[in-house]
Amino acid sequence: MSFTTAALPNAGAATGDGGELIVEEVSRSAQTLVDGATVTIRITAKMPAGYSIYSVIPAIAWKNTQLELQSTSNKPPSIYSIDDVASQGVWPVGSHTELATTEIKPSSQDVGPQASFEVTFKVLSGYQTNGYSADIYVGPIVTDFDATVDVIDGVLPLVSSKEANSSWKICGATNADDGPYGKPAAKVPYGDIKGINPETGLAKITINNLTMRTVTYAPGAAGANAEGMPSPLSDSVSDTGYTLASAPTWTTGNTENKTFAGWKLTSGTVDDWTDSSNKQAGAVIGTITDNITLEAQWAAPATWQLTLKTVPAQRMSPARASAE
């Protein structure tokens, strides 16, 4: 990455805020990835506070027996242009790693603090033989790299020979004259960039198959009168990090004015839901270890009973009345 600033007086000094590199999966052609399926990751570069983008030049590395690069697409904002990774060429690194780079740069002086792009890979047979798992590494490229070392083996080849023995790891432009529009470019140490391992200078995302479970919802006592039930009532979801559906309502035929009181687990197992308690809509539950059914629970509003007790009046004697 390269950063520019017109506000910070010492652009080359570490400020403790080196921005952030975010790598996340955004789509896949199938929940269970097999040979020929595709998976897309999004790479987002956020600049440090007070900085704008000069250029972001990320390196992307993967094991060539597990994944194959397909395409790259730019994401908003449109003020940035991006060189397609696939068209720039892929370099072999070591015996089983491939490396590609691209550059994101502003198309005008109206630069912003972050930019994103997406990269799509095709899954190869080595993904399955590796236990349905593949690692993708992303990091700031530097002046050169060692083409004999496999990134996948945990060693970073993207180390500038010029800076190899320095506490600084350069991220893109290094000279004051390299900045656009007469602004100086800055160096940022890997340790200051959130999302990057300071030891390797790389961010990593692991692509693996999801364990899918079926979640089925039932309306409970409301029956067909329940409104706002999930659609469809049954769905295949990941076994971890599942969020319970929104609360349904019951209007027609609800003579007791009952309201939704939560979802109850009536079949299947969840590792942190072992009792008969209800969980509220929007709650995130633990690992689903079997297909489950969740039934809407309904409760009538609380009622209060007021009992009046009649106390017989007491008559006073004339003597007591006159004394008082």
C-alpha atoms as a PDB file:
ATOM      1  CA  MET A   1       0.000   0.000   0.000  1.00  0.00           C
ATOM      2  CA  SER A   2       1.018   3.591  -0.446  1.00  0.00           C
ATOM      3  CA  PHE A   3      -0.398   6.488   1.480  1.00  0.00           C
ATOM      4  CA  THR A   4      -0.401  10.227   0.939  1.00  0.00           C
ATOM      5  CA  THR A   5      -1.229  13.065   3.235  1.00  0.00           C
ATOM      6  CA  ALA A   6      -1.487  16.812   3.142  1.00  0.00           C
ATOM      7  CA  ALA A   7      -2.278  17.087   6.842  1.00  0.00           C
ATOM      8  CA  LEU A   8       0.270  15.082   8.801  1.00  0.00           C
ATOM      9  CA  PRO A   9       3.622  16.889   9.071  1.00  0.00           C
ATOM     10  CA  ASN A  10       5.723  13.730   9.290  1.00  0.00           C
ATOM     11  CA  ALA A  11       4.361  11.312   6.723  1.00  0.00           C
ATOM     12  CA  GLY A  12       7.152   8.787   7.202  1.00  0.00           C
ATOM     13  CA  ALA A  13       6.670   8.241  10.922  1.00  0.00           C
ATOM     14  CA  ALA A  14       4.592   5.480  12.494  1.00  0.00           C
ATOM     15  CA  THR A  15       1.509   6.935  14.115  1.00  0.00           C
ATOM     16  CA  GLY A  16       0.046   3.720  15.538  1.00  0.00           C
ATOM     17  CA  ASP A  17      -2.737   3.871  12.971  1.00  0.00           C
ATOM     18  CA  GLY A  18      -1.533   2.314   9.753  1.00  0.00           C
ATOM     19  CA  GLY A  19      -4.942   1.728   8.244  1.00  0.00           C
ATOM     20  CA  GLU A  20      -6.458  -1.694   7.692  1.00  0.00           C
ATOM     21  CA  LEU A  21      -6.451  -4.503   5.146  1.00  0.00           C
ATOM     22  CA  ILE A  22      -9.711  -6.492   5.155  1.00  0.00           C
ATOM     23  CA  VAL A  23     -10.027  -9.802   3.294  1.00  0.00           C
ATOM     24  CA  GLU A  24     -13.434 -11.509   3.329  1.00  0.00           C
ATOM     25  CA  GLU A  25     -15.404 -14.070   1.345  1.00  0.00           C
ATOM     26  CA  VAL A  26     -18.431 -12.526  -0.352  1.00  0.00           C
ATOM     27  CA  SER A  27     -19.878 -15.259  -2.574  1.00  0.00           C
ATOM     28  CA  ARG A  28     -19.511 -18.841  -3.766  1.00  0.00           C
ATOM     29  CA  SER A  29     -21.196 -20.805  -6.521  1.00  0.00           C
ATOM     30  CA  ALA A  30     -22.196 -23.584  -4.098  1.00  0.00           C
ATOM     31  CA  GLN A  31     -22.201 -24.108  -0.349  1.00  0.00           C
ATOM     32  CA  THR A  32     -20.136 -27.260  -0.809  1.00  0.00           C
ATOM     33  CA  LEU A  33     -17.189 -26.334  -3.003  1.00  0.00           C
ATOM     34  CA  VAL A  34     -15.968 -29.041  -5.372  1.00  0.00           C
ATOM     35  CA  ASP A  35     -13.705 -29.125  -8.412  1.00  0.00           C
ATOM     36  CA  GLY A  36     -14.883 -26.423 -10.836  1.00  0.00           C
ATOM     37  CA  ALA A  37     -16.871 -24.327  -8.321  1.00  0.00           C
ATOM     38  CA  THR A  38     -15.982 -20.663  -7.825  1.00  0.00           C
ATOM     39  CA  VAL A  39     -15.443 -18.488  -4.765  1.00  0.00           C
ATOM     40  CA  THR A  40     -15.037 -14.704  -4.615  1.00  0.00           C
ATOM     41  CA  ILE A  41     -13.143 -12.705  -1.995  1.00  0.00           C
ATOM     42  CA  ARG A  42     -13.226  -8.933  -1.418  1.00  0.00           C
ATOM     43  CA  ILE A  43     -10.092  -7.011  -0.511  1.00  0.00           C
ATOM     44  CA  THR A  44     -10.574  -3.604   1.103  1.00  0.00           C
ATOM     45  CA  ALA A  45      -7.749  -1.201   1.886  1.00  0.00           C
ATOM     46  CA  LYS A  46      -8.474   1.506   4.462  1.00  0.00           C
ATOM     47  CA  MET A  47      -6.037   4.349   4.855  1.00  0.00           C
ATOM     48  CA  PRO A  48      -4.726   5.677   8.176  1.00  0.00           C
ATOM     49  CA  ALA A  49      -6.541   8.608   9.706  1.00  0.00           C
ATOM     50  CA  GLY A  50      -5.839  11.778   7.746  1.00  0.00           C
ATOM     51  CA  TYR A  51      -4.467   9.933   4.707  1.00  0.00           C
ATOM     52  CA  SER A  52      -5.840   9.418   1.213  1.00  0.00           C
ATOM     53  CA  ILE A  53      -5.034   6.719  -1.315  1.00  0.00           C
ATOM     54  CA  TYR A  54      -2.052   7.256  -3.561  1.00  0.00           C
ATOM     55  CA  SER A  55      -2.069   3.680  -4.783  1.00  0.00           C
ATOM     56  CA  VAL A  56      -2.809   0.284  -3.310  1.00  0.00           C
ATOM     57  CA  ILE A  57      -0.672  -2.461  -4.791  1.00  0.00           C
ATOM     58  CA  PRO A  58      -1.668  -5.721  -3.103  1.00  0.00           C
ATOM     59  CA  ALA A  59      -0.048  -9.072  -3.726  1.00  0.00           C
ATOM     60  CA  ILE A  60      -2.256 -12.156  -3.698  1.00  0.00           C
ATOM     61  CA  ALA A  61      -0.828 -15.650  -3.230  1.00  0.00           C
ATOM     62  CA  TRP A  62      -2.427 -19.103  -3.248  1.00  0.00           C
ATOM     63  CA  LYS A  63      -1.537 -22.756  -3.728  1.00  0.00           C
ATOM     64  CA  ASN A  64      -1.725 -23.611  -7.417  1.00  0.00           C
ATOM     65  CA  THR A  65      -3.057 -27.132  -6.832  1.00  0.00           C
ATOM     66  CA  GLN A  66      -6.086 -25.828  -4.909  1.00  0.00           C
ATOM     67  CA  LEU A  67      -7.203 -22.634  -6.660  1.00  0.00           C
ATOM     68  CA  GLU A  68      -6.996 -20.987 -10.058  1.00  0.00           C
ATOM     69  CA  LEU A  69      -7.347 -17.236 -10.597  1.00  0.00           C
ATOM     70  CA  GLN A  70     -10.370 -16.311 -12.732  1.00  0.00           C
ATOM     71  CA  SER A  71     -11.098 -12.578 -12.700  1.00  0.00           C
ATOM     72  CA  THR A  72     -10.968  -9.274 -10.845  1.00  0.00           C
ATOM     73  CA  SER A  73     -13.632  -6.589 -10.556  1.00  0.00           C
ATOM     74  CA  ASN A  74     -13.466  -3.074  -9.177  1.00  0.00           C
ATOM     75  CA  LYS A  75     -15.967  -2.006  -6.549  1.00  0.00           C
ATOM     76  CA  PRO A  76     -17.316   1.468  -5.742  1.00  0.00           C
ATOM     77  CA  PRO A  77     -16.316   4.223  -5.507  1.00  0.00           C
ATOM     78  CA  SER A  78     -15.802   4.740  -9.236  1.00  0.00           C
ATOM     79  CA  ILE A  79     -13.042   7.308  -8.722  1.00  0.00           C
ATOM     80  CA  TYR A  80     -10.617   4.379  -8.514  1.00  0.00           C
ATOM     81  CA  SER A  81      -9.295   2.361 -11.408  1.00  0.00           C
ATOM     82  CA  ILE A  82      -7.901  -1.131 -11.099  1.00  0.00           C
ATOM     83  CA  ASP A  83      -5.725  -3.298 -13.295  1.00  0.00           C
ATOM     84  CA  ASP A  84      -7.300  -6.727 -13.766  1.00  0.00           C
ATOM     85  CA  VAL A  85      -5.238  -9.247 -11.851  1.00  0.00           C
ATOM     86  CA  ALA A  86      -5.717 -11.981 -14.437  1.00  0.00           C
ATOM     87  CA  SER A  87      -4.514  -9.756 -17.291  1.00  0.00           C
ATOM     88  CA  GLN A  88      -1.386  -8.748 -15.375  1.00  0.00           C
ATOM     89  CA  GLY A  89      -0.118 -12.305 -15.299  1.00  0.00           C
ATOM     90  CA  VAL A  90       0.491 -14.863 -12.580  1.00  0.00           C
ATOM     91  CA  TRP A  91       3.975 -15.742 -11.412  1.00  0.00           C
ATOM     92  CA  PRO A  92       5.061 -19.105 -10.014  1.00  0.00           C
ATOM     93  CA  VAL A  93       6.638 -18.773  -6.597  1.00  0.00           C
ATOM     94  CA  GLY A  94       8.494 -21.719  -5.143  1.00  0.00           C
ATOM     95  CA  SER A  95       7.192 -25.150  -6.080  1.00  0.00           C
ATOM     96  CA  HIS A  96       3.440 -24.822  -5.514  1.00  0.00           C
ATOM     97  CA  THR A  97       2.522 -21.165  -4.977  1.00  0.00           C
ATOM     98  CA  GLU A  98       1.251 -18.613  -7.473  1.00  0.00           C
ATOM     99  CA  LEU A  99       1.459 -14.851  -6.997  1.00  0.00           C
ATOM    100  CA  ALA A 100      -0.432 -12.031  -8.698  1.00  0.00           C
ATOM    101  CA  THR A 101      -0.536  -8.287  -8.175  1.00  0.00           C
ATOM    102  CA  THR A 102      -2.741  -5.409  -9.183  1.00  0.00           C
ATOM    103  CA  GLU A 103      -2.885  -1.690  -8.551  1.00  0.00           C
ATOM    104  CA  ILE A 104      -5.753   0.452  -7.370  1.00  0.00           C
ATOM    105  CA  LYS A 105      -5.252   4.147  -7.989  1.00  0.00           C
ATOM    106  CA  PRO A 106      -7.431   7.248  -8.041  1.00  0.00           C
ATOM    107  CA  SER A 107      -8.517   8.490 -11.446  1.00  0.00           C
ATOM    108  CA  SER A 108      -8.620  12.092 -10.206  1.00  0.00           C
ATOM    109  CA  GLN A 109      -7.464  14.222  -7.304  1.00  0.00           C
ATOM    110  CA  ASP A 110     -10.760  13.558  -5.552  1.00  0.00           C
ATOM    111  CA  VAL A 111      -9.313  10.619  -3.668  1.00  0.00           C
ATOM    112  CA  GLY A 112     -10.916   8.881  -0.709  1.00  0.00           C
ATOM    113  CA  PRO A 113      -9.819   6.954   2.369  1.00  0.00           C
ATOM    114  CA  GLN A 114     -10.539   3.413   1.149  1.00  0.00           C
ATOM    115  CA  ALA A 115     -11.049   1.221  -1.910  1.00  0.00           C
ATOM    116  CA  SER A 116     -12.191  -2.344  -2.556  1.00  0.00           C
ATOM    117  CA  PHE A 117     -11.964  -4.930  -5.280  1.00  0.00           C
ATOM    118  CA  GLU A 118     -13.021  -8.554  -5.678  1.00  0.00           C
ATOM    119  CA  VAL A 119     -11.107 -11.563  -6.950  1.00  0.00           C
ATOM    120  CA  THR A 120     -12.747 -14.786  -8.128  1.00  0.00           C
ATOM    121  CA  PHE A 121     -11.025 -18.181  -7.979  1.00  0.00           C
ATOM    122  CA  LYS A 122     -11.956 -21.549  -9.425  1.00  0.00           C
ATOM    123  CA  VAL A 123     -11.632 -24.521  -7.087  1.00  0.00           C
ATOM    124  CA  LEU A 124      -9.251 -27.291  -8.209  1.00  0.00           C
ATOM    125  CA  SER A 125      -8.960 -30.925  -7.143  1.00  0.00           C
ATOM    126  CA  GLY A 126      -6.246 -30.104  -4.601  1.00  0.00           C
ATOM    127  CA  TYR A 127      -8.846 -28.243  -2.534  1.00  0.00           C
ATOM    128  CA  GLN A 128     -10.669 -31.498  -1.857  1.00  0.00           C
ATOM    129  CA  THR A 129      -7.521 -33.509  -1.146  1.00  0.00           C
ATOM    130  CA  ASN A 130      -6.488 -30.801   1.326  1.00  0.00           C
ATOM    131  CA  GLY A 131      -9.587 -31.500   3.403  1.00  0.00           C
ATOM    132  CA  TYR A 132     -11.801 -29.041   1.509  1.00  0.00           C
ATOM    133  CA  SER A 133      -9.648 -26.119   2.559  1.00  0.00           C
ATOM    134  CA  ALA A 134      -7.447 -23.502   0.888  1.00  0.00           C
ATOM    135  CA  ASP A 135      -5.584 -20.447   2.164  1.00  0.00           C
ATOM    136  CA  ILE A 136      -5.338 -17.163   0.285  1.00  0.00           C
ATOM    137  CA  TYR A 137      -2.711 -14.643   1.379  1.00  0.00           C
ATOM    138  CA  VAL A 138      -2.906 -10.915   0.707  1.00  0.00           C
ATOM    139  CA  GLY A 139      -0.314  -8.298   1.513  1.00  0.00           C
ATOM    140  CA  PRO A 140       1.308  -5.057   0.368  1.00  0.00           C
ATOM    141  CA  ILE A 141       3.811  -5.701  -2.392  1.00  0.00           C
ATOM    142  CA  VAL A 142       7.300  -4.264  -2.093  1.00  0.00           C
ATOM    143  CA  THR A 143      10.201  -3.728  -4.453  1.00  0.00           C
ATOM    144  CA  ASP A 144      11.012  -7.361  -5.133  1.00  0.00           C
ATOM    145  CA  PHE A 145      10.323 -10.861  -3.901  1.00  0.00           C
ATOM    146  CA  ASP A 146      12.109 -14.170  -3.599  1.00  0.00           C
ATOM    147  CA  ALA A 147      10.626 -16.424  -6.274  1.00  0.00           C
ATOM    148  CA  THR A 148      12.095 -19.566  -4.698  1.00  0.00           C
ATOM    149  CA  VAL A 149      10.090 -19.500  -1.455  1.00  0.00           C
ATOM    150  CA  ASP A 150       6.513 -20.764  -1.147  1.00  0.00           C
ATOM    151  CA  VAL A 151       4.243 -18.241   0.554  1.00  0.00           C
ATOM    152  CA  ILE A 152       1.906 -21.061   1.562  1.00  0.00           C
ATOM    153  CA  ASP A 153       4.682 -22.517   3.710  1.00  0.00           C
ATOM    154  CA  GLY A 154       4.368 -19.499   5.959  1.00  0.00           C
ATOM    155  CA  VAL A 155       7.427 -17.614   4.715  1.00  0.00           C
ATOM    156  CA  LEU A 156       6.993 -14.122   3.300  1.00  0.00           C
ATOM    157  CA  PRO A 157       8.891 -13.629   0.021  1.00  0.00           C
ATOM    158  CA  LEU A 158       7.584 -10.084  -0.331  1.00  0.00           C
ATOM    159  CA  VAL A 159      10.467  -8.448   1.510  1.00  0.00           C
ATOM    160  CA  SER A 160      12.331  -5.595  -0.121  1.00  0.00           C
ATOM    161  CA  SER A 161      16.039  -6.242  -0.319  1.00  0.00           C
ATOM    162  CA  LYS A 162      16.475  -2.524   0.296  1.00  0.00           C
ATOM    163  CA  GLU A 163      14.583  -2.679   3.605  1.00  0.00           C
ATOM    164  CA  ALA A 164      15.187  -6.270   4.698  1.00  0.00           C
ATOM    165  CA  ASN A 165      17.238  -5.343   7.764  1.00  0.00           C
ATOM    166  CA  SER A 166      15.162  -2.339   8.793  1.00  0.00           C
ATOM    167  CA  SER A 167      12.287  -2.112  11.240  1.00  0.00           C
ATOM    168  CA  TRP A 168      10.331  -0.527   8.394  1.00  0.00           C
ATOM    169  CA  LYS A 169       8.517  -2.621   5.809  1.00  0.00           C
ATOM    170  CA  ILE A 170       7.751  -0.510   2.792  1.00  0.00           C
ATOM    171  CA  CYS A 171       4.216  -0.414   1.420  1.00  0.00           C
ATOM    172  CA  GLY A 172       4.355   0.911  -2.137  1.00  0.00           C
ATOM    173  CA  ALA A 173       6.013   4.224  -2.898  1.00  0.00           C
ATOM    174  CA  THR A 174       9.044   5.143  -0.808  1.00  0.00           C
ATOM    175  CA  ASN A 175      10.381   8.413  -2.238  1.00  0.00           C
ATOM    176  CA  ALA A 176       9.050  11.879  -1.526  1.00  0.00           C
ATOM    177  CA  ASP A 177       8.723  12.538  -5.244  1.00  0.00           C
ATOM    178  CA  ASP A 178       6.535   9.478  -5.771  1.00  0.00           C
ATOM    179  CA  GLY A 179       3.379  11.041  -4.354  1.00  0.00           C
ATOM    180  CA  PRO A 180       0.718  12.438  -6.680  1.00  0.00           C
ATOM    181  CA  TYR A 181      -0.057  16.133  -7.066  1.00  0.00           C
ATOM    182  CA  GLY A 182       3.112  17.142  -5.245  1.00  0.00           C
ATOM    183  CA  LYS A 183       2.146  15.376  -1.997  1.00  0.00           C
ATOM    184  CA  PRO A 184       4.686  13.159  -0.197  1.00  0.00           C
ATOM    185  CA  ALA A 185       4.193   9.398  -0.029  1.00  0.00           C
ATOM    186  CA  ALA A 186       4.610   7.571   3.250  1.00  0.00           C
ATOM    187  CA  LYS A 187       6.012   4.298   4.510  1.00  0.00           C
ATOM    188  CA  VAL A 188       3.988   2.347   7.066  1.00  0.00           C
ATOM    189  CA  PRO A 189       5.312  -0.610   9.083  1.00  0.00           C
ATOM    190  CA  TYR A 190       3.373  -3.859   8.760  1.00  0.00           C
ATOM    191  CA  GLY A 191       2.794  -3.903  12.500  1.00  0.00           C
ATOM    192  CA  ASP A 192       0.681  -0.762  12.224  1.00  0.00           C
ATOM    193  CA  ILE A 193      -1.677  -2.134   9.574  1.00  0.00           C
ATOM    194  CA  LYS A 194      -4.708  -3.805  11.133  1.00  0.00           C
ATOM    195  CA  GLY A 195      -5.521  -7.195   9.639  1.00  0.00           C
ATOM    196  CA  ILE A 196      -1.919  -7.990   8.690  1.00  0.00           C
ATOM    197  CA  ASN A 197       0.268 -10.407  10.608  1.00  0.00           C
ATOM    198  CA  PRO A 198       3.225  -8.211  11.647  1.00  0.00           C
ATOM    199  CA  GLU A 199       5.559 -11.197  11.473  1.00  0.00           C
ATOM    200  CA  THR A 200       4.716 -12.172   7.897  1.00  0.00           C
ATOM    201  CA  GLY A 201       3.299  -8.946   6.477  1.00  0.00           C
ATOM    202  CA  LEU A 202       0.293 -10.863   5.147  1.00  0.00           C
ATOM    203  CA  ALA A 203      -3.404 -11.137   5.792  1.00  0.00           C
ATOM    204  CA  LYS A 204      -4.875 -14.628   5.365  1.00  0.00           C
ATOM    205  CA  ILE A 205      -8.314 -15.984   4.611  1.00  0.00           C
ATOM    206  CA  THR A 206      -9.142 -19.687   4.702  1.00  0.00           C
ATOM    207  CA  ILE A 207     -11.746 -20.973   2.265  1.00  0.00           C
ATOM    208  CA  ASN A 208     -13.445 -24.157   3.423  1.00  0.00           C
ATOM    209  CA  ASN A 209     -16.688 -26.007   3.071  1.00  0.00           C
ATOM    210  CA  LEU A 210     -19.511 -25.137   5.400  1.00  0.00           C
ATOM    211  CA  THR A 211     -21.352 -27.751   7.432  1.00  0.00           C
ATOM    212  CA  MET A 212     -24.979 -27.209   6.505  1.00  0.00           C
ATOM    213  CA  ARG A 213     -28.008 -27.927   8.709  1.00  0.00           C
ATOM    214  CA  THR A 214     -31.727 -27.590   8.066  1.00  0.00           C
ATOM    215  CA  VAL A 215     -33.638 -25.133  10.241  1.00  0.00           C
ATOM    216  CA  THR A 216     -37.433 -25.468  10.188  1.00  0.00           C
ATOM    217  CA  TYR A 217     -39.807 -22.946  11.765  1.00  0.00           C
ATOM    218  CA  ALA A 218     -43.310 -23.753  13.081  1.00  0.00           C
ATOM    219  CA  PRO A 219     -46.003 -21.178  13.995  1.00  0.00           C
ATOM    220  CA  GLY A 220     -47.086 -22.912  17.195  1.00  0.00           C
ATOM    221  CA  ALA A 221     -50.537 -22.112  18.585  1.00  0.00           C
ATOM    222  CA  ALA A 222     -51.107 -19.352  16.025  1.00  0.00           C
ATOM    223  CA  GLY A 223     -51.177 -21.898  13.211  1.00  0.00           C
ATOM    224  CA  ALA A 224     -52.104 -20.442   9.836  1.00  0.00           C
ATOM    225  CA  ASN A 225     -52.913 -17.101  11.477  1.00  0.00           C
ATOM    226  CA  ALA A 226     -49.249 -16.402  12.227  1.00  0.00           C
ATOM    227  CA  GLU A 227     -47.974 -13.494  10.144  1.00  0.00           C
ATOM    228  CA  GLY A 228     -44.351 -12.746   9.291  1.00  0.00           C
ATOM    229  CA  MET A 229     -43.101 -16.309   9.575  1.00  0.00           C
ATOM    230  CA  PRO A 230     -39.794 -17.031   7.793  1.00  0.00           C
ATOM    231  CA  SER A 231     -40.172 -17.823   4.106  1.00  0.00           C
ATOM    232  CA  PRO A 232     -39.449 -20.561   3.321  1.00  0.00           C
ATOM    233  CA  LEU A 233     -40.210 -22.236   6.637  1.00  0.00           C
ATOM    234  CA  SER A 234     -37.254 -24.600   6.114  1.00  0.00           C
ATOM    235  CA  ASP A 235     -33.826 -23.514   4.964  1.00  0.00           C
ATOM    236  CA  SER A 236     -30.301 -24.891   4.766  1.00  0.00           C
ATOM    237  CA  VAL A 237     -27.892 -22.798   6.852  1.00  0.00           C
ATOM    238  CA  SER A 238     -24.345 -22.911   8.164  1.00  0.00           C
ATOM    239  CA  ASP A 239     -24.015 -24.787  11.442  1.00  0.00           C
ATOM    240  CA  THR A 240     -22.306 -21.855  13.197  1.00  0.00           C
ATOM    241  CA  GLY A 241     -23.249 -18.238  13.828  1.00  0.00           C
ATOM    242  CA  TYR A 242     -26.918 -18.675  12.960  1.00  0.00           C
ATOM    243  CA  THR A 243     -29.264 -15.777  13.794  1.00  0.00           C
ATOM    244  CA  LEU A 244     -32.847 -16.624  14.775  1.00  0.00           C
ATOM    245  CA  ALA A 245     -35.623 -15.253  12.568  1.00  0.00           C
ATOM    246  CA  SER A 246     -37.607 -12.109  13.307  1.00  0.00           C
ATOM    247  CA  ALA A 247     -40.657 -12.260  15.541  1.00  0.00           C
ATOM    248  CA  PRO A 248     -43.958 -13.182  13.860  1.00  0.00           C
ATOM    249  CA  THR A 249     -47.276 -11.634  14.863  1.00  0.00           C
ATOM    250  CA  TRP A 250     -50.750 -13.033  15.524  1.00  0.00           C
ATOM    251  CA  THR A 251     -53.818 -10.907  14.834  1.00  0.00           C
ATOM    252  CA  THR A 252     -56.689 -12.936  13.365  1.00  0.00           C
ATOM    253  CA  GLY A 253     -58.340 -15.275  15.849  1.00  0.00           C
ATOM    254  CA  ASN A 254     -56.154 -14.132  18.715  1.00  0.00           C
ATOM    255  CA  THR A 255     -58.937 -13.843  21.255  1.00  0.00           C
ATOM    256  CA  GLU A 256     -56.541 -13.756  24.202  1.00  0.00           C
ATOM    257  CA  ASN A 257     -54.307 -11.047  22.681  1.00  0.00           C
ATOM    258  CA  LYS A 258     -51.254 -13.284  22.876  1.00  0.00           C
ATOM    259  CA  THR A 259     -47.890 -11.945  21.774  1.00  0.00           C
ATOM    260  CA  PHE A 260     -44.721 -13.636  20.582  1.00  0.00           C
ATOM    261  CA  ALA A 261     -42.685 -14.969  23.507  1.00  0.00           C
ATOM    262  CA  GLY A 262     -39.672 -16.401  21.675  1.00  0.00           C
ATOM    263  CA  TRP A 263     -38.565 -19.453  19.711  1.00  0.00           C
ATOM    264  CA  LYS A 264     -38.456 -22.855  21.394  1.00  0.00           C
ATOM    265  CA  LEU A 265     -36.189 -25.676  20.263  1.00  0.00           C
ATOM    266  CA  THR A 266     -38.551 -28.635  19.796  1.00  0.00           C
ATOM    267  CA  SER A 267     -36.259 -31.027  17.906  1.00  0.00           C
ATOM    268  CA  GLY A 268     -32.587 -31.324  17.047  1.00  0.00           C
ATOM    269  CA  THR A 269     -29.603 -30.103  19.059  1.00  0.00           C
ATOM    270  CA  VAL A 270     -27.691 -26.866  19.552  1.00  0.00           C
ATOM    271  CA  ASP A 271     -24.612 -26.933  21.767  1.00  0.00           C
ATOM    272  CA  ASP A 272     -25.564 -23.891  23.872  1.00  0.00           C
ATOM    273  CA  TRP A 273     -29.334 -24.505  23.972  1.00  0.00           C
ATOM    274  CA  THR A 274     -29.753 -27.514  26.172  1.00  0.00           C
ATOM    275  CA  ASP A 275     -32.747 -26.435  28.264  1.00  0.00           C
ATOM    276  CA  SER A 276     -36.391 -25.746  27.453  1.00  0.00           C
ATOM    277  CA  SER A 277     -36.042 -21.958  27.570  1.00  0.00           C
ATOM    278  CA  ASN A 278     -37.196 -19.688  24.757  1.00  0.00           C
ATOM    279  CA  LYS A 279     -34.751 -17.575  22.791  1.00  0.00           C
ATOM    280  CA  GLN A 280     -35.716 -14.197  21.422  1.00  0.00           C
ATOM    281  CA  ALA A 281     -35.829 -13.254  17.756  1.00  0.00           C
ATOM    282  CA  GLY A 282     -32.448 -12.070  16.463  1.00  0.00           C
ATOM    283  CA  ALA A 283     -30.444 -14.094  18.989  1.00  0.00           C
ATOM    284  CA  VAL A 284     -27.290 -15.772  17.685  1.00  0.00           C
ATOM    285  CA  ILE A 285     -27.165 -19.416  18.706  1.00  0.00           C
ATOM    286  CA  GLY A 286     -24.254 -21.808  19.065  1.00  0.00           C
ATOM    287  CA  THR A 287     -23.223 -24.688  16.844  1.00  0.00           C
ATOM    288  CA  ILE A 288     -26.148 -26.595  15.341  1.00  0.00           C
ATOM    289  CA  THR A 289     -25.170 -30.244  15.613  1.00  0.00           C
ATOM    290  CA  ASP A 290     -28.300 -31.686  14.010  1.00  0.00           C
ATOM    291  CA  ASN A 291     -31.251 -30.468  11.944  1.00  0.00           C
ATOM    292  CA  ILE A 292     -33.530 -28.427  14.204  1.00  0.00           C
ATOM    293  CA  THR A 293     -37.139 -27.281  14.484  1.00  0.00           C
ATOM    294  CA  LEU A 294     -38.007 -23.992  16.161  1.00  0.00           C
ATOM    295  CA  GLU A 295     -41.582 -23.333  17.273  1.00  0.00           C
ATOM    296  CA  ALA A 296     -43.055 -19.914  17.976  1.00  0.00           C
ATOM    297  CA  GLN A 297     -44.227 -19.488  21.550  1.00  0.00           C
ATOM    298  CA  TRP A 298     -47.136 -17.211  22.451  1.00  0.00           C
ATOM    299  CA  ALA A 299     -48.072 -15.705  25.797  1.00  0.00           C
ATOM    300  CA  ALA A 300     -51.191 -13.891  26.946  1.00  0.00           C
ATOM    301  CA  PRO A 301     -50.704 -10.500  28.599  1.00  0.00           C
ATOM    302  CA  ALA A 302     -50.357 -10.550  32.356  1.00  0.00           C
ATOM    303  CA  THR A 303     -53.581 -10.002  34.289  1.00  0.00           C
ATOM    304  CA  TRP A 304     -54.149  -8.653  37.782  1.00  0.00           C
ATOM    305  CA  GLN A 305     -56.979  -9.569  40.124  1.00  0.00           C
ATOM    306  CA  LEU A 306     -58.187  -6.956  42.576  1.00  0.00           C
ATOM    307  CA  THR A 307     -60.188  -8.235  45.519  1.00  0.00           C
ATOM    308  CA  LEU A 308     -62.229  -5.805  47.637  1.00  0.00           C
ATOM    309  CA  LYS A 309     -63.034  -6.835  51.167  1.00  0.00           C
ATOM    310  CA  THR A 310     -65.963  -5.276  52.999  1.00  0.00           C
ATOM    311  CA  VAL A 311     -65.310  -4.490  56.658  1.00  0.00           C
ATOM    312  CA  PRO A 312     -68.415  -4.038  58.853  1.00  0.00           C
ATOM    313  CA  ALA A 313     -68.746  -0.593  60.377  1.00  0.00           C
ATOM    314  CA  GLN A 314     -68.157  -0.381  64.110  1.00  0.00           C
ATOM    315  CA  ARG A 315     -70.571   1.539  66.336  1.00  0.00           C
ATOM    316  CA  MET A 316     -69.221   3.607  69.192  1.00  0.00           C
ATOM    317  CA  SER A 317     -70.938   3.796  72.545  1.00  0.00           C
ATOM    318  CA  PRO A 318     -72.262   7.268  73.568  1.00  0.00           C
ATOM    319  CA  ALA A 319     -69.779   7.457  76.446  1.00  0.00           C
ATOM    320  CA  ARG A 320     -66.791   6.714  74.166  1.00  0.00           C
ATOM    321  CA  ALA A 321     -68.024   9.117  71.519  1.00  0.00           C
ATOM    322  CA  SER A 322     -68.362  11.964  74.078  1.00  0.00           C
ATOM    323  CA  ALA A 323     -64.946  11.208  75.492  1.00  0.00           C
ATOM    324  CA  GLU A 324     -63.367  11.483  72.037  1.00  0.00           C
END
